[in-house]
Amino acid sequence: MFSHLTVGSNDLERSRKFYDAVLAPIGVAPGVVGHLHTTRVFYNHNGAMLILTGPLNGEPATVSNGATIGFAAASPEQVDAWHAAGVANGGVTCEDPPGLRETPLGAFYLAYLRDPDGNKLCGFHAVGK
């Protein structure tokens, strides 16, 4: 459904280190640095792209209240490894501890983090799928 997500950062090197670490457990290769108007870091995986960049308007990057970026994992173990890598690399756990959540759409194994710039992330595995 989505082609890409762009996340603002006030420190691209810090963000690259964090996302390289947090995406490795779910099989994503390290980010590639490129230039389009500004320096950016690109991650490509399963037909989707994550882009890290400083805002083009020169203002500081800020987080969006109510927004969450979900990263698909193949197993609960990958979600746990994703979460641990994030905490070890400057992320902060938020919400409930990693674990199973029952919803009207089915059971999901979830873990939540804030990246070093404060963006809310979710490690997501649909149980039984």
N, C-alpha and C. Protein backbone atom coordinates (compact mmCIF):
# COMPACT_ATOMS: atom_id res chain seq x y z
N MET A 1 0.81 -1.19 0.00
CA MET A 1 0.00 0.00 0.00
C MET A 1 0.86 1.26 0.00
N PHE A 2 1.97 1.25 0.71
CA PHE A 2 2.82 2.43 0.79
C PHE A 2 4.10 2.23 -0.01
N SER A 3 4.57 3.29 -0.65
CA SER A 3 5.83 3.20 -1.38
C SER A 3 7.01 3.61 -0.52
N HIS A 4 6.81 4.64 0.33
CA HIS A 4 7.91 5.10 1.16
C HIS A 4 7.40 5.94 2.33
N LEU A 5 8.27 6.09 3.32
CA LEU A 5 8.05 6.98 4.45
C LEU A 5 9.29 7.83 4.59
N THR A 6 9.11 9.08 4.93
CA THR A 6 10.23 9.98 5.18
C THR A 6 10.16 10.44 6.62
N VAL A 7 11.29 10.33 7.32
CA VAL A 7 11.37 10.71 8.72
C VAL A 7 12.40 11.82 8.85
N GLY A 8 12.00 12.91 9.49
CA GLY A 8 12.93 14.02 9.71
C GLY A 8 13.88 13.71 10.85
N SER A 9 15.09 14.22 10.73
CA SER A 9 16.10 14.04 11.77
C SER A 9 16.93 15.30 11.92
N ASN A 10 17.33 15.58 13.15
CA ASN A 10 18.22 16.70 13.42
C ASN A 10 19.68 16.26 13.47
N ASP A 11 19.94 14.96 13.36
CA ASP A 11 21.30 14.41 13.38
C ASP A 11 21.29 13.14 12.53
N LEU A 12 21.58 13.28 11.24
CA LEU A 12 21.47 12.14 10.32
C LEU A 12 22.41 10.99 10.68
N GLU A 13 23.60 11.29 11.15
CA GLU A 13 24.53 10.22 11.50
C GLU A 13 24.01 9.42 12.69
N ARG A 14 23.49 10.09 13.69
CA ARG A 14 22.89 9.41 14.85
C ARG A 14 21.70 8.57 14.40
N SER A 15 20.85 9.14 13.55
CA SER A 15 19.68 8.41 13.05
C SER A 15 20.08 7.23 12.19
N ARG A 16 21.09 7.39 11.34
CA ARG A 16 21.56 6.28 10.50
C ARG A 16 22.05 5.14 11.37
N LYS A 17 22.82 5.45 12.40
CA LYS A 17 23.32 4.41 13.31
C LYS A 17 22.14 3.69 13.98
N PHE A 18 21.16 4.43 14.47
CA PHE A 18 19.99 3.84 15.12
C PHE A 18 19.22 2.95 14.16
N TYR A 19 18.87 3.47 12.97
CA TYR A 19 18.06 2.70 12.03
C TYR A 19 18.83 1.52 11.44
N ASP A 20 20.14 1.65 11.20
CA ASP A 20 20.93 0.49 10.77
C ASP A 20 20.78 -0.63 11.80
N ALA A 21 20.89 -0.28 13.10
CA ALA A 21 20.81 -1.29 14.16
C ALA A 21 19.42 -1.86 14.31
N VAL A 22 18.39 -1.00 14.31
CA VAL A 22 17.03 -1.47 14.58
C VAL A 22 16.43 -2.21 13.38
N LEU A 23 16.88 -1.95 12.18
CA LEU A 23 16.33 -2.62 11.00
C LEU A 23 17.06 -3.92 10.66
N ALA A 24 18.29 -4.09 11.13
CA ALA A 24 19.04 -5.32 10.85
C ALA A 24 18.31 -6.58 11.32
N PRO A 25 17.72 -6.61 12.52
CA PRO A 25 17.04 -7.85 12.95
C PRO A 25 15.86 -8.26 12.07
N ILE A 26 15.30 -7.35 11.30
CA ILE A 26 14.19 -7.72 10.42
C ILE A 26 14.63 -7.83 8.95
N GLY A 27 15.95 -7.91 8.75
CA GLY A 27 16.49 -8.22 7.43
C GLY A 27 16.73 -7.07 6.49
N VAL A 28 16.78 -5.85 7.01
CA VAL A 28 16.99 -4.67 6.17
C VAL A 28 18.48 -4.33 6.13
N ALA A 29 19.01 -4.11 4.93
CA ALA A 29 20.42 -3.75 4.76
C ALA A 29 20.68 -2.35 5.32
N PRO A 30 21.94 -2.05 5.67
CA PRO A 30 22.28 -0.71 6.17
C PRO A 30 21.87 0.38 5.17
N GLY A 31 21.60 1.56 5.71
CA GLY A 31 21.19 2.68 4.88
C GLY A 31 22.28 3.13 3.93
N VAL A 32 21.83 3.70 2.81
CA VAL A 32 22.73 4.23 1.79
C VAL A 32 22.59 5.75 1.80
N VAL A 33 23.71 6.45 1.89
CA VAL A 33 23.70 7.90 1.90
C VAL A 33 23.62 8.41 0.47
N GLY A 34 22.72 9.36 0.23
CA GLY A 34 22.57 9.95 -1.09
C GLY A 34 22.21 11.41 -0.96
N HIS A 35 22.16 12.09 -2.08
CA HIS A 35 21.88 13.53 -2.06
C HIS A 35 20.76 13.86 -3.04
N LEU A 36 19.72 14.49 -2.55
CA LEU A 36 18.64 15.08 -3.33
C LEU A 36 18.28 16.36 -2.57
N HIS A 37 18.62 17.47 -3.03
CA HIS A 37 18.43 18.75 -2.32
C HIS A 37 19.27 18.81 -1.04
N THR A 38 19.20 17.75 -0.24
CA THR A 38 19.98 17.65 1.01
C THR A 38 20.51 16.23 1.11
N THR A 39 21.41 16.01 2.05
CA THR A 39 21.87 14.65 2.32
C THR A 39 20.73 13.85 2.92
N ARG A 40 20.59 12.62 2.46
CA ARG A 40 19.54 11.73 2.95
C ARG A 40 20.12 10.33 3.14
N VAL A 41 19.42 9.53 3.94
CA VAL A 41 19.78 8.12 4.11
C VAL A 41 18.58 7.31 3.63
N PHE A 42 18.85 6.32 2.76
CA PHE A 42 17.80 5.52 2.14
C PHE A 42 17.90 4.06 2.58
N TYR A 43 16.76 3.48 2.93
CA TYR A 43 16.63 2.05 3.22
C TYR A 43 15.60 1.50 2.25
N ASN A 44 15.92 0.39 1.59
CA ASN A 44 15.03 -0.25 0.64
C ASN A 44 14.82 -1.69 1.07
N HIS A 45 13.54 -2.13 1.19
CA HIS A 45 13.28 -3.50 1.63
C HIS A 45 11.89 -3.93 1.18
N ASN A 46 11.82 -5.05 0.51
CA ASN A 46 10.54 -5.62 0.07
C ASN A 46 9.65 -4.60 -0.65
N GLY A 47 10.25 -3.79 -1.49
CA GLY A 47 9.48 -2.86 -2.30
C GLY A 47 9.09 -1.56 -1.61
N ALA A 48 9.52 -1.36 -0.38
CA ALA A 48 9.21 -0.12 0.34
C ALA A 48 10.51 0.59 0.71
N MET A 49 10.42 1.90 0.88
CA MET A 49 11.60 2.68 1.19
C MET A 49 11.35 3.54 2.43
N LEU A 50 12.37 3.63 3.29
CA LEU A 50 12.40 4.56 4.41
C LEU A 50 13.50 5.55 4.11
N ILE A 51 13.18 6.84 4.25
CA ILE A 51 14.15 7.90 3.96
C ILE A 51 14.31 8.74 5.22
N LEU A 52 15.56 9.00 5.60
CA LEU A 52 15.86 9.90 6.70
C LEU A 52 16.43 11.18 6.10
N THR A 53 15.96 12.33 6.58
CA THR A 53 16.42 13.60 6.03
C THR A 53 16.23 14.72 7.03
N GLY A 54 17.02 15.75 6.89
CA GLY A 54 16.73 16.99 7.58
C GLY A 54 15.62 17.69 6.81
N PRO A 55 14.74 18.44 7.48
CA PRO A 55 13.66 19.14 6.76
C PRO A 55 14.21 20.09 5.69
N LEU A 56 13.57 20.09 4.54
CA LEU A 56 14.02 20.93 3.43
C LEU A 56 13.87 22.42 3.72
N ASN A 57 12.95 22.78 4.62
CA ASN A 57 12.74 24.19 4.92
C ASN A 57 13.76 24.76 5.90
N GLY A 58 14.71 23.92 6.36
CA GLY A 58 15.75 24.40 7.27
C GLY A 58 15.32 24.50 8.72
N GLU A 59 14.06 24.26 9.01
CA GLU A 59 13.56 24.28 10.39
C GLU A 59 13.95 22.96 11.08
N PRO A 60 13.94 22.93 12.41
CA PRO A 60 14.24 21.67 13.10
C PRO A 60 13.20 20.59 12.80
N ALA A 61 13.64 19.34 12.77
CA ALA A 61 12.73 18.21 12.64
C ALA A 61 11.97 18.04 13.95
N THR A 62 10.68 17.79 13.85
CA THR A 62 9.86 17.53 15.03
C THR A 62 9.03 16.28 14.78
N VAL A 63 8.52 15.68 15.85
CA VAL A 63 7.71 14.46 15.71
C VAL A 63 6.25 14.82 15.50
N SER A 64 5.51 13.88 14.97
CA SER A 64 4.09 14.05 14.74
C SER A 64 3.32 13.38 15.87
N ASN A 65 2.51 14.13 16.56
CA ASN A 65 1.72 13.57 17.65
C ASN A 65 0.64 12.66 17.09
N GLY A 66 0.63 11.41 17.51
CA GLY A 66 -0.35 10.44 17.05
C GLY A 66 0.14 9.56 15.91
N ALA A 67 1.29 9.86 15.33
CA ALA A 67 1.82 9.06 14.22
C ALA A 67 2.69 7.93 14.77
N THR A 68 2.61 6.77 14.11
CA THR A 68 3.46 5.62 14.42
C THR A 68 3.89 5.00 13.11
N ILE A 69 5.16 4.63 13.01
CA ILE A 69 5.68 3.93 11.85
C ILE A 69 5.87 2.48 12.26
N GLY A 70 5.20 1.55 11.56
CA GLY A 70 5.28 0.13 11.87
C GLY A 70 6.25 -0.59 10.96
N PHE A 71 7.05 -1.47 11.55
CA PHE A 71 8.00 -2.30 10.81
C PHE A 71 7.60 -3.76 10.95
N ALA A 72 7.35 -4.42 9.83
CA ALA A 72 6.92 -5.82 9.83
C ALA A 72 8.07 -6.74 10.20
N ALA A 73 7.77 -7.71 11.05
CA ALA A 73 8.74 -8.72 11.45
C ALA A 73 8.15 -10.11 11.17
N ALA A 74 9.00 -11.08 10.93
CA ALA A 74 8.57 -12.43 10.59
C ALA A 74 8.19 -13.28 11.80
N SER A 75 8.55 -12.81 13.00
CA SER A 75 8.30 -13.60 14.21
C SER A 75 8.33 -12.71 15.44
N PRO A 76 7.78 -13.19 16.56
CA PRO A 76 7.93 -12.44 17.81
C PRO A 76 9.40 -12.26 18.21
N GLU A 77 10.23 -13.25 17.89
CA GLU A 77 11.66 -13.14 18.21
C GLU A 77 12.31 -11.98 17.45
N GLN A 78 11.91 -11.78 16.19
CA GLN A 78 12.43 -10.64 15.43
C GLN A 78 11.96 -9.33 16.05
N VAL A 79 10.71 -9.28 16.52
CA VAL A 79 10.22 -8.07 17.18
C VAL A 79 11.06 -7.79 18.43
N ASP A 80 11.33 -8.81 19.23
CA ASP A 80 12.14 -8.62 20.43
C ASP A 80 13.56 -8.15 20.09
N ALA A 81 14.16 -8.74 19.04
CA ALA A 81 15.50 -8.32 18.62
C ALA A 81 15.48 -6.89 18.09
N TRP A 82 14.45 -6.53 17.35
CA TRP A 82 14.26 -5.16 16.85
C TRP A 82 14.22 -4.19 18.02
N HIS A 83 13.41 -4.50 19.03
CA HIS A 83 13.26 -3.64 20.20
C HIS A 83 14.57 -3.52 20.96
N ALA A 84 15.24 -4.63 21.20
CA ALA A 84 16.52 -4.61 21.93
C ALA A 84 17.57 -3.80 21.19
N ALA A 85 17.63 -3.94 19.86
CA ALA A 85 18.60 -3.17 19.07
C ALA A 85 18.30 -1.68 19.16
N GLY A 86 17.02 -1.34 19.15
CA GLY A 86 16.65 0.07 19.25
C GLY A 86 17.05 0.67 20.59
N VAL A 87 16.75 -0.02 21.68
CA VAL A 87 17.10 0.48 23.01
C VAL A 87 18.62 0.59 23.17
N ALA A 88 19.35 -0.37 22.61
CA ALA A 88 20.81 -0.36 22.71
C ALA A 88 21.46 0.75 21.87
N ASN A 89 20.69 1.35 20.96
CA ASN A 89 21.25 2.36 20.06
C ASN A 89 20.55 3.71 20.17
N GLY A 90 20.11 4.05 21.36
CA GLY A 90 19.59 5.39 21.60
C GLY A 90 18.08 5.52 21.56
N GLY A 91 17.37 4.44 21.31
CA GLY A 91 15.91 4.49 21.33
C GLY A 91 15.40 4.37 22.76
N VAL A 92 14.16 4.75 22.95
CA VAL A 92 13.53 4.69 24.27
C VAL A 92 12.25 3.89 24.14
N THR A 93 12.10 2.87 24.98
CA THR A 93 10.88 2.08 24.95
C THR A 93 9.70 2.94 25.37
N CYS A 94 8.55 2.68 24.78
CA CYS A 94 7.33 3.40 25.14
C CYS A 94 6.15 2.44 25.02
N GLU A 95 5.00 2.87 25.51
CA GLU A 95 3.80 2.04 25.54
C GLU A 95 4.03 0.87 26.50
N ASP A 96 3.30 -0.22 26.30
CA ASP A 96 3.46 -1.42 27.11
C ASP A 96 4.73 -2.16 26.71
N PRO A 97 5.22 -3.07 27.57
CA PRO A 97 6.39 -3.88 27.17
C PRO A 97 6.06 -4.71 25.93
N PRO A 98 7.09 -5.15 25.18
CA PRO A 98 6.84 -6.00 24.02
C PRO A 98 5.98 -7.20 24.41
N GLY A 99 5.02 -7.54 23.56
CA GLY A 99 4.18 -8.69 23.87
C GLY A 99 2.98 -8.81 22.96
N LEU A 100 2.18 -9.81 23.27
CA LEU A 100 1.00 -10.14 22.49
C LEU A 100 -0.14 -9.19 22.81
N ARG A 101 -0.84 -8.72 21.77
CA ARG A 101 -2.02 -7.88 21.94
C ARG A 101 -3.16 -8.52 21.14
N GLU A 102 -4.29 -8.71 21.78
CA GLU A 102 -5.48 -9.22 21.11
C GLU A 102 -6.30 -8.02 20.63
N THR A 103 -6.67 -8.02 19.35
CA THR A 103 -7.44 -6.91 18.79
C THR A 103 -8.62 -7.49 18.00
N PRO A 104 -9.58 -6.67 17.63
CA PRO A 104 -10.68 -7.16 16.78
C PRO A 104 -10.20 -7.69 15.43
N LEU A 105 -8.99 -7.30 14.99
CA LEU A 105 -8.45 -7.76 13.71
C LEU A 105 -7.56 -8.98 13.85
N GLY A 106 -7.37 -9.46 15.08
CA GLY A 106 -6.53 -10.63 15.31
C GLY A 106 -5.48 -10.37 16.37
N ALA A 107 -4.60 -11.35 16.55
CA ALA A 107 -3.53 -11.24 17.55
C ALA A 107 -2.26 -10.70 16.89
N PHE A 108 -1.65 -9.75 17.56
CA PHE A 108 -0.41 -9.15 17.08
C PHE A 108 0.62 -9.16 18.20
N TYR A 109 1.87 -9.42 17.84
CA TYR A 109 2.98 -9.28 18.78
C TYR A 109 3.64 -7.95 18.46
N LEU A 110 3.66 -7.03 19.43
CA LEU A 110 4.09 -5.66 19.20
C LEU A 110 5.14 -5.20 20.20
N ALA A 111 5.97 -4.27 19.77
CA ALA A 111 6.90 -3.56 20.64
C ALA A 111 6.99 -2.13 20.13
N TYR A 112 7.08 -1.17 21.04
CA TYR A 112 7.12 0.25 20.66
C TYR A 112 8.39 0.91 21.16
N LEU A 113 8.91 1.83 20.33
CA LEU A 113 10.10 2.63 20.64
C LEU A 113 9.89 4.06 20.17
N ARG A 114 10.64 4.96 20.77
CA ARG A 114 10.86 6.29 20.20
C ARG A 114 12.29 6.31 19.70
N ASP A 115 12.49 6.77 18.46
CA ASP A 115 13.85 6.87 17.93
C ASP A 115 14.55 8.06 18.59
N PRO A 116 15.85 8.28 18.32
CA PRO A 116 16.56 9.38 18.98
C PRO A 116 15.97 10.77 18.73
N ASP A 117 15.18 10.94 17.66
CA ASP A 117 14.53 12.22 17.40
C ASP A 117 13.11 12.28 17.96
N GLY A 118 12.64 11.19 18.59
CA GLY A 118 11.32 11.16 19.21
C GLY A 118 10.21 10.56 18.36
N ASN A 119 10.50 10.10 17.14
CA ASN A 119 9.49 9.47 16.30
C ASN A 119 9.06 8.14 16.91
N LYS A 120 7.76 7.85 16.90
CA LYS A 120 7.25 6.62 17.48
C LYS A 120 7.27 5.51 16.44
N LEU A 121 7.86 4.36 16.82
CA LEU A 121 8.01 3.21 15.95
C LEU A 121 7.37 1.99 16.59
N CYS A 122 6.97 1.05 15.76
CA CYS A 122 6.37 -0.20 16.24
C CYS A 122 6.99 -1.38 15.49
N GLY A 123 7.47 -2.37 16.23
CA GLY A 123 7.82 -3.66 15.65
C GLY A 123 6.55 -4.50 15.65
N PHE A 124 6.18 -5.09 14.51
CA PHE A 124 4.85 -5.66 14.32
C PHE A 124 4.94 -7.06 13.71
N HIS A 125 4.29 -8.03 14.38
CA HIS A 125 4.17 -9.38 13.81
C HIS A 125 2.72 -9.84 13.99
N ALA A 126 2.07 -10.19 12.88
CA ALA A 126 0.71 -10.72 12.92
C ALA A 126 0.80 -12.20 13.26
N VAL A 127 0.34 -12.58 14.44
CA VAL A 127 0.43 -13.95 14.91
C VAL A 127 -0.48 -14.85 14.08
N GLY A 128 0.06 -15.99 13.66
CA GLY A 128 -0.74 -16.93 12.88
C GLY A 128 -0.83 -16.59 11.41
N LYS A 129 -0.05 -15.62 10.95
CA LYS A 129 -0.10 -15.24 9.53
C LYS A 129 1.21 -15.57 8.86
